[in-house]
């Protein structure tokens, strides 16, 4: 007697219920990636290679500037798929109350702010950078590099900016010796510039220059090794021009 085997069949609905998947998932067939999508991914990786500290929002802004019609969600999805996420910087805890900025800038050249940033050469020498920004436009007005920058160099920076840019209403800074020096104070008074000094140990009272210096360190200083002060000045100036002319700014809606 021959053994007869019977083949049992089940409905698609029942089979999907048994394995725990939806019918739409079972029926899904991958769609080949379009040429436009491949080109977009290629351009994103190219930009990420050049702008190693930029996140997907700034990359999206650059793509829009280039005339590409692409929304931010699509860029974010492809950004994650390509593994291009930038490690997040650890935020320092602020001490003390966070209040409103005293004398907030209302127009261009209303309030400038300045501060120092320190770095070093590959041989271990110290380099100081004096940075100055317009708080209203977020424009970087000057980055001056030097082994040691004192009151003389600060006055030189002021004279150059007053000659080429004009005179602001106020300058905001901490109480560093270079900023409260008599030579500096005299030059400011002669030009009718008033000063705003933040409380000691309260960098959040000077948020615009703090933010700028954070970007300067993250995108320039941490990415370069300087052989000399001259090289540091050249690189810093190139970065400053790019910051003003090309870099999308989050505080200005990435434009």
C-alpha atoms as a PDB file:
ATOM      1  CA  UNK A   1       0.000   0.000   0.000  1.00  0.00           C
ATOM      2  CA  UNK A   2       1.493   3.268  -1.072  1.00  0.00           C
ATOM      3  CA  UNK A   3       1.804   6.037   1.470  1.00  0.00           C
ATOM      4  CA  UNK A   4       0.132   9.127   0.186  1.00  0.00           C
ATOM      5  CA  UNK A   5       1.353  12.500   1.565  1.00  0.00           C
ATOM      6  CA  UNK A   6      -0.992  15.385   1.593  1.00  0.00           C
ATOM      7  CA  UNK A   7       0.342  18.948   1.292  1.00  0.00           C
ATOM      8  CA  UNK A   8      -1.463  21.327   3.562  1.00  0.00           C
ATOM      9  CA  UNK A   9      -1.763  24.995   2.623  1.00  0.00           C
ATOM     10  CA  UNK A  10      -2.529  27.957   4.881  1.00  0.00           C
ATOM     11  CA  UNK A  11      -3.865  31.397   4.125  1.00  0.00           C
ATOM     12  CA  UNK A  12      -1.516  34.409   4.097  1.00  0.00           C
ATOM     13  CA  UNK A  13      -3.483  35.968   6.932  1.00  0.00           C
ATOM     14  CA  UNK A  14      -3.033  32.933   9.190  1.00  0.00           C
ATOM     15  CA  UNK A  15       0.655  32.523   8.321  1.00  0.00           C
ATOM     16  CA  UNK A  16       1.383  36.162   9.209  1.00  0.00           C
ATOM     17  CA  UNK A  17      -0.518  35.786  12.473  1.00  0.00           C
ATOM     18  CA  UNK A  18       1.540  32.708  13.411  1.00  0.00           C
ATOM     19  CA  UNK A  19       4.933  34.419  12.838  1.00  0.00           C
ATOM     20  CA  UNK A  20       3.779  37.745  14.227  1.00  0.00           C
ATOM     21  CA  UNK A  21       4.226  40.057  11.238  1.00  0.00           C
ATOM     22  CA  UNK A  22       1.827  42.274   9.364  1.00  0.00           C
ATOM     23  CA  UNK A  23       0.622  41.342   5.881  1.00  0.00           C
ATOM     24  CA  UNK A  24       2.034  44.600   4.470  1.00  0.00           C
ATOM     25  CA  UNK A  25       5.480  43.677   5.797  1.00  0.00           C
ATOM     26  CA  UNK A  26       5.264  40.211   4.259  1.00  0.00           C
ATOM     27  CA  UNK A  27       4.331  41.670   0.894  1.00  0.00           C
ATOM     28  CA  UNK A  28       7.000  44.420   0.950  1.00  0.00           C
ATOM     29  CA  UNK A  29       9.538  44.371  -1.879  1.00  0.00           C
ATOM     30  CA  UNK A  30      12.542  46.741  -1.577  1.00  0.00           C
ATOM     31  CA  UNK A  31      12.537  49.602  -4.050  1.00  0.00           C
ATOM     32  CA  UNK A  32      15.863  50.266  -5.810  1.00  0.00           C
ATOM     33  CA  UNK A  33      17.489  53.493  -4.597  1.00  0.00           C
ATOM     34  CA  UNK A  34      17.098  56.363  -7.012  1.00  0.00           C
ATOM     35  CA  UNK A  35      20.043  58.083  -8.653  1.00  0.00           C
ATOM     36  CA  UNK A  36      19.014  61.361  -6.977  1.00  0.00           C
ATOM     37  CA  UNK A  37      19.147  59.713  -3.556  1.00  0.00           C
ATOM     38  CA  UNK A  38      22.584  58.222  -4.242  1.00  0.00           C
ATOM     39  CA  UNK A  39      23.848  61.643  -5.351  1.00  0.00           C
ATOM     40  CA  UNK A  40      22.418  63.259  -2.210  1.00  0.00           C
ATOM     41  CA  UNK A  41      24.141  60.706   0.019  1.00  0.00           C
ATOM     42  CA  UNK A  42      27.408  61.192  -1.842  1.00  0.00           C
ATOM     43  CA  UNK A  43      27.231  64.969  -1.404  1.00  0.00           C
ATOM     44  CA  UNK A  44      26.350  64.636   2.289  1.00  0.00           C
ATOM     45  CA  UNK A  45      29.375  62.410   2.907  1.00  0.00           C
ATOM     46  CA  UNK A  46      31.563  64.832   0.971  1.00  0.00           C
ATOM     47  CA  UNK A  47      30.378  67.773   3.090  1.00  0.00           C
ATOM     48  CA  UNK A  48      30.729  65.760   6.298  1.00  0.00           C
ATOM     49  CA  UNK A  49      34.326  64.966   5.333  1.00  0.00           C
ATOM     50  CA  UNK A  50      35.125  68.655   4.915  1.00  0.00           C
ATOM     51  CA  UNK A  51      33.026  69.864   7.861  1.00  0.00           C
ATOM     52  CA  UNK A  52      33.837  67.231  10.436  1.00  0.00           C
ATOM     53  CA  UNK A  53      32.165  69.059  13.337  1.00  0.00           C
ATOM     54  CA  UNK A  54      28.958  69.992  11.502  1.00  0.00           C
ATOM     55  CA  UNK A  55      25.716  68.193  12.358  1.00  0.00           C
ATOM     56  CA  UNK A  56      22.909  67.327   9.963  1.00  0.00           C
ATOM     57  CA  UNK A  57      21.136  70.683  10.467  1.00  0.00           C
ATOM     58  CA  UNK A  58      24.067  72.712   9.161  1.00  0.00           C
ATOM     59  CA  UNK A  59      24.638  70.198   6.358  1.00  0.00           C
ATOM     60  CA  UNK A  60      20.956  70.530   5.432  1.00  0.00           C
ATOM     61  CA  UNK A  61      21.318  74.335   5.332  1.00  0.00           C
ATOM     62  CA  UNK A  62      24.289  74.028   2.967  1.00  0.00           C
ATOM     63  CA  UNK A  63      22.374  71.624   0.713  1.00  0.00           C
ATOM     64  CA  UNK A  64      19.468  74.089   0.525  1.00  0.00           C
ATOM     65  CA  UNK A  65      21.891  76.898  -0.318  1.00  0.00           C
ATOM     66  CA  UNK A  66      23.135  74.747  -3.188  1.00  0.00           C
ATOM     67  CA  UNK A  67      19.606  74.685  -4.592  1.00  0.00           C
ATOM     68  CA  UNK A  68      18.641  71.158  -3.530  1.00  0.00           C
ATOM     69  CA  UNK A  69      14.979  70.679  -2.644  1.00  0.00           C
ATOM     70  CA  UNK A  70      15.323  68.352   0.320  1.00  0.00           C
ATOM     71  CA  UNK A  71      13.673  68.548   3.730  1.00  0.00           C
ATOM     72  CA  UNK A  72      15.536  68.251   7.013  1.00  0.00           C
ATOM     73  CA  UNK A  73      13.873  64.967   8.016  1.00  0.00           C
ATOM     74  CA  UNK A  74      15.175  63.238   4.902  1.00  0.00           C
ATOM     75  CA  UNK A  75      18.690  64.551   5.538  1.00  0.00           C
ATOM     76  CA  UNK A  76      18.471  63.376   9.141  1.00  0.00           C
ATOM     77  CA  UNK A  77      17.368  59.880   8.070  1.00  0.00           C
ATOM     78  CA  UNK A  78      20.197  59.529   5.558  1.00  0.00           C
ATOM     79  CA  UNK A  79      22.641  61.092   8.041  1.00  0.00           C
ATOM     80  CA  UNK A  80      21.867  58.365  10.589  1.00  0.00           C
ATOM     81  CA  UNK A  81      21.919  55.651   7.939  1.00  0.00           C
ATOM     82  CA  UNK A  82      25.419  56.692   6.876  1.00  0.00           C
ATOM     83  CA  UNK A  83      26.591  56.836  10.508  1.00  0.00           C
ATOM     84  CA  UNK A  84      27.659  60.465  10.247  1.00  0.00           C
ATOM     85  CA  UNK A  85      26.534  61.556  13.722  1.00  0.00           C
ATOM     86  CA  UNK A  86      28.918  63.945  15.452  1.00  0.00           C
ATOM     87  CA  UNK A  87      29.789  63.078  19.077  1.00  0.00           C
ATOM     88  CA  UNK A  88      27.989  65.482  21.368  1.00  0.00           C
ATOM     89  CA  UNK A  89      30.020  67.892  23.436  1.00  0.00           C
ATOM     90  CA  UNK A  90      29.563  67.579  27.162  1.00  0.00           C
ATOM     91  CA  UNK A  91      27.981  70.732  28.487  1.00  0.00           C
ATOM     92  CA  UNK A  92      29.614  72.270  31.519  1.00  0.00           C
ATOM     93  CA  UNK A  93      27.293  72.803  34.439  1.00  0.00           C
ATOM     94  CA  UNK A  94      26.598  76.436  35.088  1.00  0.00           C
ATOM     95  CA  UNK A  95      26.831  77.804  38.577  1.00  0.00           C
ATOM     96  CA  UNK A  96      24.519  80.522  39.761  1.00  0.00           C
ATOM     97  CA  UNK A  97      21.270  81.915  38.331  1.00  0.00           C
ATOM     98  CA  UNK A  98      20.716  82.277  34.625  1.00  0.00           C
ATOM     99  CA  UNK A  99      19.184  85.671  33.867  1.00  0.00           C
ATOM    100  CA  UNK A 100      18.667  88.022  30.979  1.00  0.00           C
ATOM    101  CA  UNK A 101      21.693  89.423  29.174  1.00  0.00           C
ATOM    102  CA  UNK A 102      22.439  92.931  30.380  1.00  0.00           C
ATOM    103  CA  UNK A 103      22.158  95.519  27.571  1.00  0.00           C
ATOM    104  CA  UNK A 104      21.112  93.130  24.817  1.00  0.00           C
ATOM    105  CA  UNK A 105      22.229  94.243  21.345  1.00  0.00           C
ATOM    106  CA  UNK A 106      19.444  95.821  19.292  1.00  0.00           C
ATOM    107  CA  UNK A 107      21.286  96.564  16.058  1.00  0.00           C
ATOM    108  CA  UNK A 108      24.602  96.129  14.274  1.00  0.00           C
ATOM    109  CA  UNK A 109      27.575  97.598  16.183  1.00  0.00           C
ATOM    110  CA  UNK A 110      25.433  98.225  19.254  1.00  0.00           C
ATOM    111  CA  UNK A 111      27.333  95.766  21.466  1.00  0.00           C
ATOM    112  CA  UNK A 112      30.591  93.956  20.777  1.00  0.00           C
ATOM    113  CA  UNK A 113      32.094  91.348  23.062  1.00  0.00           C
ATOM    114  CA  UNK A 114      35.640  90.022  23.367  1.00  0.00           C
ATOM    115  CA  UNK A 115      37.638  87.405  25.199  1.00  0.00           C
ATOM    116  CA  UNK A 116      40.788  85.281  25.049  1.00  0.00           C
ATOM    117  CA  UNK A 117      41.236  81.642  24.013  1.00  0.00           C
ATOM    118  CA  UNK A 118      44.433  79.694  24.611  1.00  0.00           C
ATOM    119  CA  UNK A 119      45.962  76.850  22.635  1.00  0.00           C
ATOM    120  CA  UNK A 120      49.483  75.641  21.842  1.00  0.00           C
ATOM    121  CA  UNK A 121      51.952  74.746  19.110  1.00  0.00           C
ATOM    122  CA  UNK A 122      53.055  71.206  18.337  1.00  0.00           C
ATOM    123  CA  UNK A 123      56.262  71.863  20.318  1.00  0.00           C
ATOM    124  CA  UNK A 124      54.354  72.913  23.401  1.00  0.00           C
ATOM    125  CA  UNK A 125      54.524  76.698  23.074  1.00  0.00           C
ATOM    126  CA  UNK A 126      51.505  78.755  24.169  1.00  0.00           C
ATOM    127  CA  UNK A 127      49.351  80.721  21.750  1.00  0.00           C
ATOM    128  CA  UNK A 128      46.686  83.211  22.793  1.00  0.00           C
ATOM    129  CA  UNK A 129      43.841  84.311  20.550  1.00  0.00           C
ATOM    130  CA  UNK A 130      41.929  87.536  21.116  1.00  0.00           C
ATOM    131  CA  UNK A 131      38.433  87.135  19.663  1.00  0.00           C
ATOM    132  CA  UNK A 132      35.833  89.838  19.030  1.00  0.00           C
ATOM    133  CA  UNK A 133      32.228  89.462  17.830  1.00  0.00           C
ATOM    134  CA  UNK A 134      29.279  91.714  17.031  1.00  0.00           C
ATOM    135  CA  UNK A 135      26.520  90.404  19.316  1.00  0.00           C
ATOM    136  CA  UNK A 136      23.666  91.428  17.011  1.00  0.00           C
ATOM    137  CA  UNK A 137      24.923  90.009  13.709  1.00  0.00           C
ATOM    138  CA  UNK A 138      27.097  87.258  15.310  1.00  0.00           C
ATOM    139  CA  UNK A 139      29.871  88.349  12.942  1.00  0.00           C
ATOM    140  CA  UNK A 140      33.440  87.605  13.931  1.00  0.00           C
ATOM    141  CA  UNK A 141      35.202  90.966  13.788  1.00  0.00           C
ATOM    142  CA  UNK A 142      38.728  89.867  14.634  1.00  0.00           C
ATOM    143  CA  UNK A 143      40.889  86.935  15.717  1.00  0.00           C
ATOM    144  CA  UNK A 144      44.379  88.044  16.754  1.00  0.00           C
ATOM    145  CA  UNK A 145      46.979  85.372  17.577  1.00  0.00           C
ATOM    146  CA  UNK A 146      50.137  85.906  19.602  1.00  0.00           C
ATOM    147  CA  UNK A 147      52.505  84.382  22.138  1.00  0.00           C
ATOM    148  CA  UNK A 148      51.314  86.869  24.717  1.00  0.00           C
ATOM    149  CA  UNK A 149      48.721  89.514  24.088  1.00  0.00           C
ATOM    150  CA  UNK A 150      48.656  92.423  26.512  1.00  0.00           C
ATOM    151  CA  UNK A 151      47.151  95.905  26.677  1.00  0.00           C
ATOM    152  CA  UNK A 152      49.280  97.164  23.747  1.00  0.00           C
ATOM    153  CA  UNK A 153      47.981  94.483  21.407  1.00  0.00           C
ATOM    154  CA  UNK A 154      44.412  94.999  22.634  1.00  0.00           C
ATOM    155  CA  UNK A 155      44.659  98.723  21.839  1.00  0.00           C
ATOM    156  CA  UNK A 156      46.034  97.885  18.371  1.00  0.00           C
ATOM    157  CA  UNK A 157      43.007  95.673  17.716  1.00  0.00           C
ATOM    158  CA  UNK A 158      40.654  98.429  18.860  1.00  0.00           C
ATOM    159  CA  UNK A 159      42.313 101.050  16.670  1.00  0.00           C
ATOM    160  CA  UNK A 160      42.150  98.821  13.614  1.00  0.00           C
ATOM    161  CA  UNK A 161      38.482  97.957  14.150  1.00  0.00           C
ATOM    162  CA  UNK A 162      37.501 101.562  14.893  1.00  0.00           C
ATOM    163  CA  UNK A 163      39.213 102.596  11.658  1.00  0.00           C
ATOM    164  CA  UNK A 164      37.811  99.854   9.414  1.00  0.00           C
ATOM    165  CA  UNK A 165      34.488  99.026  11.075  1.00  0.00           C
ATOM    166  CA  UNK A 166      33.437 101.999  13.169  1.00  0.00           C
ATOM    167  CA  UNK A 167      32.803 102.461  16.879  1.00  0.00           C
ATOM    168  CA  UNK A 168      30.314 100.354  18.881  1.00  0.00           C
ATOM    169  CA  UNK A 169      28.077 101.662  21.643  1.00  0.00           C
ATOM    170  CA  UNK A 170      29.284  99.092  24.180  1.00  0.00           C
ATOM    171  CA  UNK A 171      31.932  96.387  24.605  1.00  0.00           C
ATOM    172  CA  UNK A 172      31.215  93.446  26.890  1.00  0.00           C
ATOM    173  CA  UNK A 173      33.981  91.461  28.610  1.00  0.00           C
ATOM    174  CA  UNK A 174      35.163  89.870  31.809  1.00  0.00           C
ATOM    175  CA  UNK A 175      37.475  91.660  34.235  1.00  0.00           C
ATOM    176  CA  UNK A 176      40.705  90.376  32.717  1.00  0.00           C
ATOM    177  CA  UNK A 177      43.734  92.579  33.284  1.00  0.00           C
ATOM    178  CA  UNK A 178      44.070  93.283  29.548  1.00  0.00           C
ATOM    179  CA  UNK A 179      40.513  94.648  29.357  1.00  0.00           C
ATOM    180  CA  UNK A 180      40.663  96.875  32.439  1.00  0.00           C
ATOM    181  CA  UNK A 181      44.140  98.237  31.709  1.00  0.00           C
ATOM    182  CA  UNK A 182      44.356 102.056  31.768  1.00  0.00           C
ATOM    183  CA  UNK A 183      45.539 102.224  28.146  1.00  0.00           C
ATOM    184  CA  UNK A 184      42.518 100.276  26.988  1.00  0.00           C
ATOM    185  CA  UNK A 185      40.100 102.236  29.175  1.00  0.00           C
ATOM    186  CA  UNK A 186      41.511 105.547  27.928  1.00  0.00           C
ATOM    187  CA  UNK A 187      41.131 104.549  24.279  1.00  0.00           C
ATOM    188  CA  UNK A 188      37.550 103.430  24.830  1.00  0.00           C
ATOM    189  CA  UNK A 189      36.661 106.650  26.634  1.00  0.00           C
ATOM    190  CA  UNK A 190      38.235 108.772  23.885  1.00  0.00           C
ATOM    191  CA  UNK A 191      35.941 107.090  21.370  1.00  0.00           C
ATOM    192  CA  UNK A 192      32.821 107.201  23.531  1.00  0.00           C
ATOM    193  CA  UNK A 193      32.585 103.427  23.969  1.00  0.00           C
ATOM    194  CA  UNK A 194      30.966 102.276  27.203  1.00  0.00           C
ATOM    195  CA  UNK A 195      31.922  99.010  28.919  1.00  0.00           C
ATOM    196  CA  UNK A 196      29.859  96.146  30.321  1.00  0.00           C
ATOM    197  CA  UNK A 197      31.758  93.880  32.712  1.00  0.00           C
ATOM    198  CA  UNK A 198      30.354  90.511  33.718  1.00  0.00           C
ATOM    199  CA  UNK A 199      30.486  89.235  37.268  1.00  0.00           C
ATOM    200  CA  UNK A 200      33.613  87.172  38.083  1.00  0.00           C
ATOM    201  CA  UNK A 201      33.039  83.465  37.484  1.00  0.00           C
ATOM    202  CA  UNK A 202      29.860  84.090  35.463  1.00  0.00           C
ATOM    203  CA  UNK A 203      30.655  83.293  31.805  1.00  0.00           C
ATOM    204  CA  UNK A 204      26.944  82.820  31.035  1.00  0.00           C
ATOM    205  CA  UNK A 205      26.601  86.609  31.332  1.00  0.00           C
ATOM    206  CA  UNK A 206      28.704  86.853  28.167  1.00  0.00           C
ATOM    207  CA  UNK A 207      26.983  84.134  26.088  1.00  0.00           C
ATOM    208  CA  UNK A 208      27.782  85.371  22.584  1.00  0.00           C
ATOM    209  CA  UNK A 209      31.565  85.316  22.848  1.00  0.00           C
ATOM    210  CA  UNK A 210      31.387  82.097  24.896  1.00  0.00           C
ATOM    211  CA  UNK A 211      29.402  80.442  22.110  1.00  0.00           C
ATOM    212  CA  UNK A 212      31.762  81.778  19.452  1.00  0.00           C
ATOM    213  CA  UNK A 213      34.855  80.605  21.322  1.00  0.00           C
ATOM    214  CA  UNK A 214      33.294  77.167  21.745  1.00  0.00           C
ATOM    215  CA  UNK A 215      32.780  76.887  17.984  1.00  0.00           C
ATOM    216  CA  UNK A 216      36.268  78.267  17.322  1.00  0.00           C
ATOM    217  CA  UNK A 217      37.848  75.643  19.552  1.00  0.00           C
ATOM    218  CA  UNK A 218      35.654  72.785  18.333  1.00  0.00           C
ATOM    219  CA  UNK A 219      35.878  73.487  14.601  1.00  0.00           C
ATOM    220  CA  UNK A 220      39.347  75.043  14.288  1.00  0.00           C
ATOM    221  CA  UNK A 221      41.712  74.701  17.251  1.00  0.00           C
ATOM    222  CA  UNK A 222      40.866  71.066  17.995  1.00  0.00           C
ATOM    223  CA  UNK A 223      41.198  70.153  14.317  1.00  0.00           C
ATOM    224  CA  UNK A 224      44.626  71.719  13.697  1.00  0.00           C
ATOM    225  CA  UNK A 225      48.202  71.402  14.914  1.00  0.00           C
ATOM    226  CA  UNK A 226      50.059  74.713  14.701  1.00  0.00           C
ATOM    227  CA  UNK A 227      53.750  74.893  13.926  1.00  0.00           C
ATOM    228  CA  UNK A 228      54.047  78.584  14.734  1.00  0.00           C
ATOM    229  CA  UNK A 229      52.079  81.666  15.726  1.00  0.00           C
ATOM    230  CA  UNK A 230      52.142  82.839  12.099  1.00  0.00           C
ATOM    231  CA  UNK A 231      50.576  79.585  10.936  1.00  0.00           C
ATOM    232  CA  UNK A 232      47.989  79.779  13.718  1.00  0.00           C
ATOM    233  CA  UNK A 233      47.067  83.327  12.644  1.00  0.00           C
ATOM    234  CA  UNK A 234      46.699  82.287   9.008  1.00  0.00           C
ATOM    235  CA  UNK A 235      44.508  79.279   9.828  1.00  0.00           C
ATOM    236  CA  UNK A 236      42.405  81.224  12.333  1.00  0.00           C
ATOM    237  CA  UNK A 237      41.800  84.014   9.818  1.00  0.00           C
ATOM    238  CA  UNK A 238      40.741  81.524   7.125  1.00  0.00           C
ATOM    239  CA  UNK A 239      38.334  79.913   9.592  1.00  0.00           C
ATOM    240  CA  UNK A 240      36.988  83.355  10.617  1.00  0.00           C
ATOM    241  CA  UNK A 241      36.160  84.250   7.012  1.00  0.00           C
ATOM    242  CA  UNK A 242      34.466  80.906   6.492  1.00  0.00           C
ATOM    243  CA  UNK A 243      32.533  81.393   9.751  1.00  0.00           C
ATOM    244  CA  UNK A 244      31.249  84.765   8.559  1.00  0.00           C
ATOM    245  CA  UNK A 245      30.591  83.941   4.922  1.00  0.00           C
ATOM    246  CA  UNK A 246      29.762  80.239   4.623  1.00  0.00           C
ATOM    247  CA  UNK A 247      28.936  78.637   7.969  1.00  0.00           C
ATOM    248  CA  UNK A 248      25.178  78.341   8.757  1.00  0.00           C
ATOM    249  CA  UNK A 249      24.413  79.721  12.237  1.00  0.00           C
ATOM    250  CA  UNK A 250      21.847  78.046  14.486  1.00  0.00           C
ATOM    251  CA  UNK A 251      21.091  81.332  16.287  1.00  0.00           C
ATOM    252  CA  UNK A 252      20.152  82.872  12.918  1.00  0.00           C
ATOM    253  CA  UNK A 253      17.973  79.977  11.757  1.00  0.00           C
ATOM    254  CA  UNK A 254      20.913  78.248   9.990  1.00  0.00           C
ATOM    255  CA  UNK A 255      21.280  81.082   7.480  1.00  0.00           C
END
